[in-house]
């Protein structure tokens, strides 16, 4: 679920990816996810990741995108 009334500035420091940076650093956006669910389980709520480590599977990119 996305709250379209939230204004947010994207920063490198908040990234959870392995690389730790984003080309969108400094962008101001309208709308932020506030709830992510998968098969009835809450994965993220209000910015807090609630899923246990190891939840999910790696989805390899298709060969044409490598």
Protein backbone atom coordinates (compact mmCIF):
# COMPACT_ATOMS: atom_id res chain seq x y z
CA UNK A 1 0.00 0.00 0.00
CA UNK A 2 1.22 3.47 -0.85
CA UNK A 3 0.41 6.71 0.97
CA UNK A 4 0.40 9.34 -1.77
CA UNK A 5 0.40 12.20 0.78
CA UNK A 6 3.91 11.45 2.09
CA UNK A 7 6.71 13.62 0.69
CA UNK A 8 10.17 12.07 0.88
CA UNK A 9 13.74 12.73 -0.23
CA UNK A 10 15.64 9.65 -1.41
CA UNK A 11 19.12 9.30 0.11
CA UNK A 12 22.05 6.93 -0.27
CA UNK A 13 22.09 6.35 3.49
CA UNK A 14 18.63 4.74 3.57
CA UNK A 15 19.37 2.14 0.88
CA UNK A 16 19.20 -1.50 1.94
CA UNK A 17 20.80 -2.86 -1.23
CA UNK A 18 24.24 -4.39 -1.37
CA UNK A 19 25.75 -1.44 -3.25
CA UNK A 20 24.62 1.16 -0.69
CA UNK A 21 23.93 3.98 -3.13
CA UNK A 22 21.27 5.07 -5.61
CA UNK A 23 21.33 7.25 -8.72
CA UNK A 24 18.17 8.85 -7.30
CA UNK A 25 19.96 10.34 -4.27
CA UNK A 26 18.46 13.76 -3.54
CA UNK A 27 15.25 13.26 -5.53
CA UNK A 28 12.11 14.52 -3.80
CA UNK A 29 9.11 12.26 -4.35
CA UNK A 30 5.41 12.14 -3.46
CA UNK A 31 4.14 8.80 -2.23
CA UNK A 32 5.81 6.13 -0.12
CA UNK A 33 5.03 2.48 0.49
CA UNK A 34 3.66 2.02 3.99
CA UNK A 35 2.76 -1.69 3.86
CA UNK A 36 4.08 -4.63 1.84
CA UNK A 37 2.48 -8.06 2.14
CA UNK A 38 3.32 -11.41 0.59
CA UNK A 39 0.94 -14.36 0.84
CA UNK A 40 -0.75 -12.80 3.85
CA UNK A 41 2.51 -12.07 5.71
CA UNK A 42 3.50 -8.48 6.49
CA UNK A 43 6.96 -7.92 5.01
CA UNK A 44 7.34 -4.17 5.67
CA UNK A 45 5.21 -1.75 7.66
CA UNK A 46 5.86 1.99 8.13
CA UNK A 47 9.48 1.71 7.01
CA UNK A 48 10.34 -1.28 9.21
CA UNK A 49 11.30 -4.55 7.51
CA UNK A 50 9.54 -7.30 9.47
CA UNK A 51 10.40 -10.32 7.32
CA UNK A 52 12.85 -12.78 8.80
CA UNK A 53 16.27 -13.02 7.10
CA UNK A 54 16.18 -15.61 4.32
CA UNK A 55 12.51 -14.98 3.52
CA UNK A 56 11.90 -15.27 -0.20
CA UNK A 57 13.91 -16.59 -3.12
CA UNK A 58 16.40 -15.00 -5.48
CA UNK A 59 14.79 -14.20 -8.84
CA UNK A 60 17.52 -14.32 -11.48
CA UNK A 61 17.11 -11.91 -14.39
CA UNK A 62 16.14 -13.32 -17.76
CA UNK A 63 19.07 -14.00 -20.09
CA UNK A 64 18.09 -11.10 -22.36
CA UNK A 65 18.59 -8.65 -19.45
CA UNK A 66 22.04 -9.87 -18.39
